[in-house]
C-alpha atoms as a PDB file:
ATOM      1  CA  MET A   1       0.027   0.000  -0.012  1.00  0.00           C
ATOM      2  CA  SER A   2       1.178   3.399  -0.770  1.00  0.00           C
ATOM      3  CA  PHE A   3       1.362   6.283   1.730  1.00  0.00           C
ATOM      4  CA  ASN A   4      -1.575   8.121   0.144  1.00  0.00           C
ATOM      5  CA  LYS A   5      -3.851   5.115   0.434  1.00  0.00           C
ATOM      6  CA  ILE A   6      -2.958   4.818   4.203  1.00  0.00           C
ATOM      7  CA  ILE A   7      -3.799   8.386   4.740  1.00  0.00           C
ATOM      8  CA  LYS A   8      -7.066   8.068   2.878  1.00  0.00           C
ATOM      9  CA  VAL A   9      -8.067   4.996   4.895  1.00  0.00           C
ATOM     10  CA  PHE A  10      -7.102   6.730   8.103  1.00  0.00           C
ATOM     11  CA  LEU A  11      -9.131   9.889   7.185  1.00  0.00           C
ATOM     12  CA  ILE A  12     -12.162   7.752   6.179  1.00  0.00           C
ATOM     13  CA  VAL A  13     -11.987   5.873   9.570  1.00  0.00           C
ATOM     14  CA  PHE A  14     -11.481   9.081  11.445  1.00  0.00           C
ATOM     15  CA  CYS A  15     -14.345  10.913   9.796  1.00  0.00           C
ATOM     16  CA  THR A  16     -16.622   7.958  10.189  1.00  0.00           C
ATOM     17  CA  SER A  17     -15.830   7.733  13.956  1.00  0.00           C
ATOM     18  CA  ILE A  18     -16.571  11.418  14.368  1.00  0.00           C
ATOM     19  CA  PHE A  19     -19.844  11.193  12.450  1.00  0.00           C
ATOM     20  CA  LEU A  20     -20.985   8.166  14.479  1.00  0.00           C
ATOM     21  CA  ASN A  21     -19.845   9.653  17.712  1.00  0.00           C
ATOM     22  CA  SER A  22     -21.822  12.924  17.041  1.00  0.00           C
ATOM     23  CA  CYS A  23     -24.997  10.778  17.071  1.00  0.00           C
ATOM     24  CA  THR A  24     -24.680  10.189  20.734  1.00  0.00           C
ATOM     25  CA  LYS A  25     -25.476  12.506  23.592  1.00  0.00           C
ATOM     26  CA  PHE A  26     -22.333  14.143  24.983  1.00  0.00           C
ATOM     27  CA  GLU A  27     -21.957  13.968  28.732  1.00  0.00           C
ATOM     28  CA  SER A  28     -19.325  15.819  30.700  1.00  0.00           C
ATOM     29  CA  PRO A  29     -16.518  13.516  31.774  1.00  0.00           C
ATOM     30  CA  PHE A  30     -16.328  15.376  35.049  1.00  0.00           C
ATOM     31  CA  GLY A  31     -20.002  14.702  35.981  1.00  0.00           C
ATOM     32  CA  LYS A  32     -20.819  18.369  36.695  1.00  0.00           C
ATOM     33  CA  PRO A  33     -24.486  19.533  36.345  1.00  0.00           C
ATOM     34  CA  PRO A  34     -25.159  22.096  33.673  1.00  0.00           C
ATOM     35  CA  ILE A  35     -24.826  25.698  34.774  1.00  0.00           C
ATOM     36  CA  GLU A  36     -28.029  27.608  35.421  1.00  0.00           C
ATOM     37  CA  PRO A  37     -28.390  30.352  32.884  1.00  0.00           C
ATOM     38  CA  ASP A  38     -30.449  32.675  35.233  1.00  0.00           C
ATOM     39  CA  ALA A  39     -27.978  34.593  37.497  1.00  0.00           C
ATOM     40  CA  ARG A  40     -30.580  35.199  40.220  1.00  0.00           C
ATOM     41  CA  LYS A  41     -31.394  31.515  40.527  1.00  0.00           C
ATOM     42  CA  ARG A  42     -27.671  30.703  40.562  1.00  0.00           C
ATOM     43  CA  ALA A  43     -27.094  33.201  43.362  1.00  0.00           C
ATOM     44  CA  GLN A  44     -30.033  31.843  45.399  1.00  0.00           C
ATOM     45  CA  GLU A  45     -28.739  28.313  45.061  1.00  0.00           C
ATOM     46  CA  ASN A  46     -25.203  29.497  46.142  1.00  0.00           C
ATOM     47  CA  VAL A  47     -26.674  31.209  49.137  1.00  0.00           C
ATOM     48  CA  ARG A  48     -28.616  28.070  50.065  1.00  0.00           C
ATOM     49  CA  GLN A  49     -25.451  25.920  49.755  1.00  0.00           C
ATOM     50  CA  GLY A  50     -23.328  28.317  51.693  1.00  0.00           C
ATOM     51  CA  LYS A  51     -21.021  29.260  48.904  1.00  0.00           C
ATOM     52  CA  GLY A  52     -19.644  32.672  48.193  1.00  0.00           C
ATOM     53  CA  ILE A  53     -17.228  35.225  49.755  1.00  0.00           C
ATOM     54  CA  GLN A  54     -17.419  36.071  53.456  1.00  0.00           C
ATOM     55  CA  ILE A  55     -15.347  38.810  54.770  1.00  0.00           C
ATOM     56  CA  PHE A  56     -15.808  37.943  58.439  1.00  0.00           C
ATOM     57  CA  LYS A  57     -16.028  34.181  58.657  1.00  0.00           C
ATOM     58  CA  GLN A  58     -18.153  32.877  61.433  1.00  0.00           C
ATOM     59  CA  LYS A  59     -17.499  29.730  63.322  1.00  0.00           C
ATOM     60  CA  LYS A  60     -19.653  26.839  62.174  1.00  0.00           C
ATOM     61  CA  LYS A  61     -22.237  25.773  64.621  1.00  0.00           C
ATOM     62  CA  GLY A  62     -23.940  22.345  64.958  1.00  0.00           C
ATOM     63  CA  GLY A  63     -25.656  21.227  61.799  1.00  0.00           C
ATOM     64  CA  ASP A  64     -28.535  18.958  60.866  1.00  0.00           C
ATOM     65  CA  PHE A  65     -27.861  15.249  61.494  1.00  0.00           C
ATOM     66  CA  LEU A  66     -28.563  12.967  58.590  1.00  0.00           C
ATOM     67  CA  PHE A  67     -29.214   9.829  60.681  1.00  0.00           C
ATOM     68  CA  ALA A  68     -32.368   8.507  62.105  1.00  0.00           C
ATOM     69  CA  SER A  69     -31.394   8.612  65.750  1.00  0.00           C
ATOM     70  CA  SER A  70     -31.679  12.307  65.784  1.00  0.00           C
ATOM     71  CA  ASN A  71     -35.305  12.624  64.645  1.00  0.00           C
ATOM     72  CA  PRO A  72     -37.897  11.764  67.287  1.00  0.00           C
ATOM     73  CA  MET A  73     -40.704  11.328  64.699  1.00  0.00           C
ATOM     74  CA  TRP A  74     -38.637   8.786  62.832  1.00  0.00           C
ATOM     75  CA  LYS A  75     -37.682   6.854  65.866  1.00  0.00           C
ATOM     76  CA  ALA A  76     -41.252   6.816  67.204  1.00  0.00           C
ATOM     77  CA  ALA A  77     -42.554   5.524  63.801  1.00  0.00           C
ATOM     78  CA  LEU A  78     -40.029   2.690  63.720  1.00  0.00           C
ATOM     79  CA  ASP A  79     -40.810   1.792  67.369  1.00  0.00           C
ATOM     80  CA  THR A  80     -44.567   1.877  66.710  1.00  0.00           C
ATOM     81  CA  LEU A  81     -44.191  -0.452  63.630  1.00  0.00           C
ATOM     82  CA  SER A  82     -41.664  -2.705  65.225  1.00  0.00           C
ATOM     83  CA  PHE A  83     -44.102  -5.667  65.230  1.00  0.00           C
ATOM     84  CA  MET A  84     -44.301  -5.583  61.437  1.00  0.00           C
ATOM     85  CA  SER A  85     -41.556  -6.330  58.965  1.00  0.00           C
ATOM     86  CA  LEU A  86     -40.449  -3.364  56.872  1.00  0.00           C
ATOM     87  CA  ALA A  87     -40.397  -3.538  52.976  1.00  0.00           C
ATOM     88  CA  ASN A  88     -38.793  -0.082  52.362  1.00  0.00           C
ATOM     89  CA  VAL A  89     -37.243   2.450  54.641  1.00  0.00           C
ATOM     90  CA  ASP A  90     -35.779   5.646  53.335  1.00  0.00           C
ATOM     91  CA  TYR A  91     -34.623   8.239  55.909  1.00  0.00           C
ATOM     92  CA  GLY A  92     -33.532  10.698  53.222  1.00  0.00           C
ATOM     93  CA  GLY A  93     -36.775  10.455  51.294  1.00  0.00           C
ATOM     94  CA  GLY A  94     -38.798  10.288  54.529  1.00  0.00           C
ATOM     95  CA  ILE A  95     -40.788   7.182  53.834  1.00  0.00           C
ATOM     96  CA  ILE A  96     -41.453   3.859  55.668  1.00  0.00           C
ATOM     97  CA  ILE A  97     -43.354   1.129  54.004  1.00  0.00           C
ATOM     98  CA  THR A  98     -44.263  -2.091  55.864  1.00  0.00           C
ATOM     99  CA  ASP A  99     -44.472  -5.479  54.272  1.00  0.00           C
ATOM    100  CA  TRP A 100     -47.914  -7.198  54.149  1.00  0.00           C
ATOM    101  CA  TYR A 101     -48.986  -8.150  57.638  1.00  0.00           C
ATOM    102  CA  SER A 102     -51.497 -10.818  58.608  1.00  0.00           C
ATOM    103  CA  GLU A 103     -52.322 -12.194  62.103  1.00  0.00           C
ATOM    104  CA  GLU A 104     -54.775 -15.046  61.753  1.00  0.00           C
ATOM    105  CA  ASN A 105     -56.537 -14.894  58.366  1.00  0.00           C
ATOM    106  CA  SER A 106     -54.048 -15.551  55.627  1.00  0.00           C
ATOM    107  CA  ASN A 107     -56.492 -14.300  53.043  1.00  0.00           C
ATOM    108  CA  GLU A 108     -56.352 -10.752  54.411  1.00  0.00           C
ATOM    109  CA  ALA A 109     -53.240  -8.621  55.028  1.00  0.00           C
ATOM    110  CA  ILE A 110     -52.534  -4.876  55.614  1.00  0.00           C
ATOM    111  CA  LYS A 111     -49.676  -2.674  54.582  1.00  0.00           C
ATOM    112  CA  ILE A 112     -48.892   0.685  56.256  1.00  0.00           C
ATOM    113  CA  THR A 113     -47.073   3.490  54.468  1.00  0.00           C
ATOM    114  CA  ILE A 114     -45.843   6.488  56.413  1.00  0.00           C
ATOM    115  CA  ARG A 115     -44.523   9.652  54.597  1.00  0.00           C
ATOM    116  CA  PHE A 116     -42.880  12.303  56.619  1.00  0.00           C
ATOM    117  CA  LEU A 117     -43.704  15.813  55.495  1.00  0.00           C
ATOM    118  CA  SER A 118     -41.849  17.719  58.225  1.00  0.00           C
ATOM    119  CA  ASN A 119     -39.369  16.983  61.030  1.00  0.00           C
ATOM    120  CA  GLU A 120     -41.606  18.912  63.509  1.00  0.00           C
ATOM    121  CA  ILE A 121     -43.820  16.755  65.851  1.00  0.00           C
ATOM    122  CA  ARG A 122     -47.143  17.762  64.396  1.00  0.00           C
ATOM    123  CA  ALA A 123     -50.127  15.773  63.140  1.00  0.00           C
ATOM    124  CA  ASP A 124     -49.855  17.308  59.629  1.00  0.00           C
ATOM    125  CA  GLY A 125     -46.096  16.497  59.570  1.00  0.00           C
ATOM    126  CA  MET A 126     -46.762  12.894  58.356  1.00  0.00           C
ATOM    127  CA  SER A 127     -49.180  11.059  56.128  1.00  0.00           C
ATOM    128  CA  VAL A 128     -50.298   7.639  57.071  1.00  0.00           C
ATOM    129  CA  ASN A 129     -51.884   5.330  54.442  1.00  0.00           C
ATOM    130  CA  LEU A 130     -53.388   1.889  54.998  1.00  0.00           C
ATOM    131  CA  HIS A 131     -53.804  -0.753  52.197  1.00  0.00           C
ATOM    132  CA  LYS A 132     -55.714  -3.933  52.590  1.00  0.00           C
ATOM    133  CA  ARG A 133     -55.152  -7.016  50.417  1.00  0.00           C
ATOM    134  CA  THR A 134     -57.968  -9.582  50.152  1.00  0.00           C
ATOM    135  CA  CYS A 135     -57.264 -12.873  48.390  1.00  0.00           C
ATOM    136  CA  LYS A 136     -59.928 -15.406  47.168  1.00  0.00           C
ATOM    137  CA  ASN A 137     -58.922 -18.421  45.074  1.00  0.00           C
ATOM    138  CA  ASN A 138     -55.493 -16.842  44.298  1.00  0.00           C
ATOM    139  CA  ASN A 139     -57.079 -13.681  43.096  1.00  0.00           C
ATOM    140  CA  CYS A 140     -55.941 -10.711  45.156  1.00  0.00           C
ATOM    141  CA  VAL A 141     -57.431  -7.290  45.384  1.00  0.00           C
ATOM    142  CA  VAL A 142     -55.594  -4.296  47.004  1.00  0.00           C
ATOM    143  CA  LYS A 143     -57.612  -1.279  48.240  1.00  0.00           C
ATOM    144  CA  GLU A 144     -56.681   1.747  50.207  1.00  0.00           C
ATOM    145  CA  VAL A 145     -58.668   1.792  53.350  1.00  0.00           C
ATOM    146  CA  LYS A 146     -59.734   4.754  55.533  1.00  0.00           C
ATOM    147  CA  SER A 147     -59.856   3.263  59.036  1.00  0.00           C
ATOM    148  CA  ASP A 148     -59.571   4.217  62.633  1.00  0.00           C
ATOM    149  CA  LEU A 149     -56.253   2.253  62.592  1.00  0.00           C
ATOM    150  CA  ILE A 150     -54.654   5.187  60.664  1.00  0.00           C
ATOM    151  CA  PHE A 151     -55.559   7.589  63.389  1.00  0.00           C
ATOM    152  CA  GLU A 152     -54.386   5.137  66.108  1.00  0.00           C
ATOM    153  CA  VAL A 153     -51.035   4.642  64.364  1.00  0.00           C
ATOM    154  CA  LYS A 154     -50.583   8.476  63.927  1.00  0.00           C
ATOM    155  CA  ASP A 155     -51.590   9.190  67.453  1.00  0.00           C
ATOM    156  CA  LYS A 156     -49.146   6.521  68.890  1.00  0.00           C
ATOM    157  CA  ILE A 157     -46.343   7.918  66.836  1.00  0.00           C
ATOM    158  CA  LEU A 158     -47.045  11.548  67.914  1.00  0.00           C
ATOM    159  CA  ARG A 159     -47.190  10.587  71.562  1.00  0.00           C
ATOM    160  CA  ARG A 160     -44.017   8.527  71.463  1.00  0.00           C
ATOM    161  CA  ALA A 161     -42.195  11.294  69.431  1.00  0.00           C
ATOM    162  CA  ALA A 162     -43.182  13.852  72.125  1.00  0.00           C
ATOM    163  CA  ILE A 163     -41.747  11.598  74.826  1.00  0.00           C
ATOM    164  CA  TYR A 164     -38.529  11.190  72.769  1.00  0.00           C
ATOM    165  CA  LYS A 165     -38.268  14.878  72.320  1.00  0.00           C
ATOM    166  CA  ILE A 166     -38.692  15.549  76.083  1.00  0.00           C
ATOM    167  CA  GLU A 167     -36.031  12.895  76.846  1.00  0.00           C
ATOM    168  CA  ASP A 168     -33.616  14.334  74.236  1.00  0.00           C
ATOM    169  CA  ASP A 169     -34.063  17.853  75.606  1.00  0.00           C
ATOM    170  CA  LYS A 170     -33.390  16.560  79.110  1.00  0.00           C
ATOM    171  CA  GLY A 171     -30.334  14.726  77.824  1.00  0.00           C
ATOM    172  CA  ASN A 172     -28.980  17.821  76.064  1.00  0.00           C
ATOM    173  CA  LYS A 173     -29.394  20.039  79.219  1.00  0.00           C
ATOM    174  CA  LYS A 174     -27.362  17.511  81.186  1.00  0.00           C
ATOM    175  CA  THR A 175     -24.519  17.180  78.690  1.00  0.00           C
ATOM    176  CA  LYS A 176     -24.047  20.912  78.176  1.00  0.00           C
ATOM    177  CA  SER A 177     -20.924  22.017  79.907  1.00  0.00           C
ATOM    178  CA  LYS A 178     -21.072  24.735  82.507  1.00  0.00           C
ATOM    179  CA  LYS A 179     -18.622  27.633  82.473  1.00  0.00           C
ATOM    180  CA  LYS A 180     -15.960  27.282  85.154  1.00  0.00           C
ATOM    181  CA  TRP A 181     -14.782  30.438  86.661  1.00  0.00           C
ATOM    182  CA  LYS A 182     -11.218  30.558  87.853  1.00  0.00           C
ATOM    183  CA  ASN A 183     -10.197  32.603  90.853  1.00  0.00           C
ATOM    184  CA  LYS A 184      -7.452  35.152  89.991  1.00  0.00           C
END
């Protein structure tokens, strides 16, 4: 093969690879999200994330804990549902879903779903849903049920969360260090 033929083959392969590569979506090799074009939205996001220039830096104080033992509502819900096996638990997403539970009748079972809407101990801070599965001749029907059990579960969680909150507050008061004054 002559040198010109080698260059022509190389150019054909190169152009074909560029053409085929341009058919795919280009993703950043660094995994960075696209930059927001609106400067105001970018600035608001930077403020929320704590980015920017600070002339007088302040000492960082305690932050939010991202583990379940710091949230009394979460602990109370897990304790309340401890008799049931759990199918899905996501603290970051604020959801607890139990597995199907049946006491005596194997043809009927219930499933409880709890969604946390707030970290505050309030009745509207969570949503409790109850689903009932009824099976006859291997045909199962699942329906959402509005029952007093929903209110009982919610009430039990709120009461237990209030107790945990009081205990946590007492524990925090005991662990705070007192100032010691030195005699001069």
